[in-house]
Amino acid sequence: MKFNQARSSMKAMSPEKLAALNESLATAERKLLNAQGLPRRPWVQHTLYAPGWFTGYGVKTLPGVREALEDGRYPEAKEQLVIVSNALDTEAAYIDKVASQIGQ
């Protein structure tokens, strides 16, 4: 919400500030990564989407939570839900920080 409100002031930004803003936004999705990766697949680090365990390259949303639920691993699903929630909170805080810097 803060970012949408700040967008109107982007028109007056210098090219240098716009480039810095673009760089900040380009790194925003990295906030959705979990360095430990998914259970049994530590190389898959995105918390919101990833190739499914049995779907090849077919995407699963919230893969850590979903796959744990589908396999009946409920304590793991709860742990994964906390990881996703923390990643979303971190992402939101980062975007708010970027938005607050737009008018400066």
C-alpha atoms as a PDB file:
ATOM      1  CA  MET A   1       0.000   0.000   0.000  1.00  0.00           C
ATOM      2  CA  LYS A   2       2.790   2.419   0.896  1.00  0.00           C
ATOM      3  CA  PHE A   3       4.519   1.643  -2.368  1.00  0.00           C
ATOM      4  CA  ASN A   4       1.384   2.406  -4.403  1.00  0.00           C
ATOM      5  CA  GLN A   5       1.050   5.720  -2.577  1.00  0.00           C
ATOM      6  CA  ALA A   6       4.688   6.580  -3.254  1.00  0.00           C
ATOM      7  CA  ARG A   7       4.515   5.768  -6.967  1.00  0.00           C
ATOM      8  CA  SER A   8       3.175   9.190  -7.920  1.00  0.00           C
ATOM      9  CA  SER A   9       6.390  10.855  -6.749  1.00  0.00           C
ATOM     10  CA  MET A  10       8.486   8.558  -8.947  1.00  0.00           C
ATOM     11  CA  LYS A  11       7.799  10.753 -11.971  1.00  0.00           C
ATOM     12  CA  ALA A  12       9.982  13.487 -10.472  1.00  0.00           C
ATOM     13  CA  MET A  13      12.897  11.191  -9.645  1.00  0.00           C
ATOM     14  CA  SER A  14      16.235  11.612 -11.354  1.00  0.00           C
ATOM     15  CA  PRO A  15      17.461   8.818 -13.625  1.00  0.00           C
ATOM     16  CA  GLU A  16      20.066   7.916 -11.008  1.00  0.00           C
ATOM     17  CA  LYS A  17      17.451   7.568  -8.261  1.00  0.00           C
ATOM     18  CA  LEU A  18      15.202   5.562 -10.574  1.00  0.00           C
ATOM     19  CA  ALA A  19      18.094   3.220 -11.323  1.00  0.00           C
ATOM     20  CA  ALA A  20      18.753   2.769  -7.611  1.00  0.00           C
ATOM     21  CA  LEU A  21      15.050   2.134  -6.999  1.00  0.00           C
ATOM     22  CA  ASN A  22      14.956  -0.448  -9.786  1.00  0.00           C
ATOM     23  CA  GLU A  23      17.982  -2.173  -8.271  1.00  0.00           C
ATOM     24  CA  SER A  24      16.281  -2.272  -4.881  1.00  0.00           C
ATOM     25  CA  LEU A  25      13.099  -3.693  -6.356  1.00  0.00           C
ATOM     26  CA  ALA A  26      15.026  -6.254  -8.382  1.00  0.00           C
ATOM     27  CA  THR A  27      16.402  -7.684  -5.164  1.00  0.00           C
ATOM     28  CA  ALA A  28      13.021  -7.734  -3.419  1.00  0.00           C
ATOM     29  CA  GLU A  29      12.122 -11.271  -4.459  1.00  0.00           C
ATOM     30  CA  ARG A  30      15.261 -12.583  -2.790  1.00  0.00           C
ATOM     31  CA  LYS A  31      13.532 -11.830   0.509  1.00  0.00           C
ATOM     32  CA  LEU A  32      11.223 -14.762  -0.303  1.00  0.00           C
ATOM     33  CA  LEU A  33      14.091 -17.252  -0.269  1.00  0.00           C
ATOM     34  CA  ASN A  34      14.897 -19.591   2.586  1.00  0.00           C
ATOM     35  CA  ALA A  35      18.604 -20.419   2.750  1.00  0.00           C
ATOM     36  CA  GLN A  36      17.856 -23.883   4.187  1.00  0.00           C
ATOM     37  CA  GLY A  37      15.666 -24.710   1.187  1.00  0.00           C
ATOM     38  CA  LEU A  38      12.723 -27.074   1.216  1.00  0.00           C
ATOM     39  CA  PRO A  39      12.698 -30.249   3.268  1.00  0.00           C
ATOM     40  CA  ARG A  40      14.432 -33.007   1.292  1.00  0.00           C
ATOM     41  CA  ARG A  41      15.343 -30.427  -1.404  1.00  0.00           C
ATOM     42  CA  PRO A  42      17.722 -27.868   0.083  1.00  0.00           C
ATOM     43  CA  TRP A  43      18.605 -26.543  -3.383  1.00  0.00           C
ATOM     44  CA  VAL A  44      15.017 -25.259  -3.834  1.00  0.00           C
ATOM     45  CA  GLN A  45      14.911 -22.072  -1.778  1.00  0.00           C
ATOM     46  CA  HIS A  46      11.822 -20.115  -2.884  1.00  0.00           C
ATOM     47  CA  THR A  47       9.075 -20.160  -0.255  1.00  0.00           C
ATOM     48  CA  LEU A  48       6.161 -19.205  -2.526  1.00  0.00           C
ATOM     49  CA  TYR A  49       6.637 -21.401  -5.573  1.00  0.00           C
ATOM     50  CA  ALA A  50       8.828 -24.229  -6.763  1.00  0.00           C
ATOM     51  CA  PRO A  51       8.710 -27.266  -9.001  1.00  0.00           C
ATOM     52  CA  GLY A  52       6.642 -29.936  -7.272  1.00  0.00           C
ATOM     53  CA  TRP A  53       8.212 -33.121  -5.941  1.00  0.00           C
ATOM     54  CA  PHE A  54       6.244 -35.262  -8.418  1.00  0.00           C
ATOM     55  CA  THR A  55       5.251 -32.648 -11.004  1.00  0.00           C
ATOM     56  CA  GLY A  56       8.548 -32.235 -12.816  1.00  0.00           C
ATOM     57  CA  TYR A  57       8.677 -28.574 -13.700  1.00  0.00           C
ATOM     58  CA  GLY A  58       5.012 -28.019 -12.831  1.00  0.00           C
ATOM     59  CA  VAL A  59       4.863 -25.281 -10.218  1.00  0.00           C
ATOM     60  CA  LYS A  60       3.475 -25.749  -6.750  1.00  0.00           C
ATOM     61  CA  THR A  61       2.571 -22.732  -4.684  1.00  0.00           C
ATOM     62  CA  LEU A  62       3.680 -22.682  -1.053  1.00  0.00           C
ATOM     63  CA  PRO A  63       5.601 -25.884  -1.789  1.00  0.00           C
ATOM     64  CA  GLY A  64       6.932 -26.550   1.700  1.00  0.00           C
ATOM     65  CA  VAL A  65       3.498 -26.231   3.264  1.00  0.00           C
ATOM     66  CA  ARG A  66       1.591 -27.952   0.493  1.00  0.00           C
ATOM     67  CA  GLU A  67       3.796 -30.979   0.087  1.00  0.00           C
ATOM     68  CA  ALA A  68       3.936 -31.537   3.843  1.00  0.00           C
ATOM     69  CA  LEU A  69       0.126 -31.379   4.046  1.00  0.00           C
ATOM     70  CA  GLU A  70      -0.305 -33.676   1.066  1.00  0.00           C
ATOM     71  CA  ASP A  71       1.987 -36.243   2.702  1.00  0.00           C
ATOM     72  CA  GLY A  72       0.405 -35.921   6.148  1.00  0.00           C
ATOM     73  CA  ARG A  73       3.499 -34.390   7.740  1.00  0.00           C
ATOM     74  CA  TYR A  74       1.532 -31.855   9.779  1.00  0.00           C
ATOM     75  CA  PRO A  75       4.290 -30.711  12.165  1.00  0.00           C
ATOM     76  CA  GLU A  76       6.481 -30.024   9.118  1.00  0.00           C
ATOM     77  CA  ALA A  77       3.618 -28.122   7.462  1.00  0.00           C
ATOM     78  CA  LYS A  78       3.358 -25.927  10.542  1.00  0.00           C
ATOM     79  CA  GLU A  79       7.119 -25.269  10.481  1.00  0.00           C
ATOM     80  CA  GLN A  80       6.982 -24.425   6.782  1.00  0.00           C
ATOM     81  CA  LEU A  81       4.032 -22.093   7.335  1.00  0.00           C
ATOM     82  CA  VAL A  82       6.104 -20.128   9.860  1.00  0.00           C
ATOM     83  CA  ILE A  83       8.944 -19.901   7.322  1.00  0.00           C
ATOM     84  CA  VAL A  84       6.580 -18.614   4.613  1.00  0.00           C
ATOM     85  CA  SER A  85       4.960 -16.153   7.014  1.00  0.00           C
ATOM     86  CA  ASN A  86       8.351 -14.783   8.067  1.00  0.00           C
ATOM     87  CA  ALA A  87       9.437 -14.449   4.442  1.00  0.00           C
ATOM     88  CA  LEU A  88       6.271 -12.500   3.597  1.00  0.00           C
ATOM     89  CA  ASP A  89       6.740 -10.238   6.619  1.00  0.00           C
ATOM     90  CA  THR A  90      10.349  -9.592   5.578  1.00  0.00           C
ATOM     91  CA  GLU A  91       9.249  -8.878   2.002  1.00  0.00           C
ATOM     92  CA  ALA A  92       6.543  -6.455   3.153  1.00  0.00           C
ATOM     93  CA  ALA A  93       8.954  -4.607   5.443  1.00  0.00           C
ATOM     94  CA  TYR A  94      11.498  -4.347   2.647  1.00  0.00           C
ATOM     95  CA  ILE A  95       8.955  -2.935   0.179  1.00  0.00           C
ATOM     96  CA  ASP A  96       7.757  -0.451   2.823  1.00  0.00           C
ATOM     97  CA  LYS A  97      11.377   0.626   3.361  1.00  0.00           C
ATOM     98  CA  VAL A  98      11.891   1.085  -0.381  1.00  0.00           C
ATOM     99  CA  ALA A  99       8.626   3.031  -0.612  1.00  0.00           C
ATOM    100  CA  SER A 100       9.657   5.350   2.212  1.00  0.00           C
ATOM    101  CA  GLN A 101      12.861   6.177   0.334  1.00  0.00           C
ATOM    102  CA  ILE A 102      11.073   7.143  -2.892  1.00  0.00           C
ATOM    103  CA  GLY A 103      10.162  10.635  -1.753  1.00  0.00           C
ATOM    104  CA  GLN A 104      13.617  11.418  -0.374  1.00  0.00           C
END
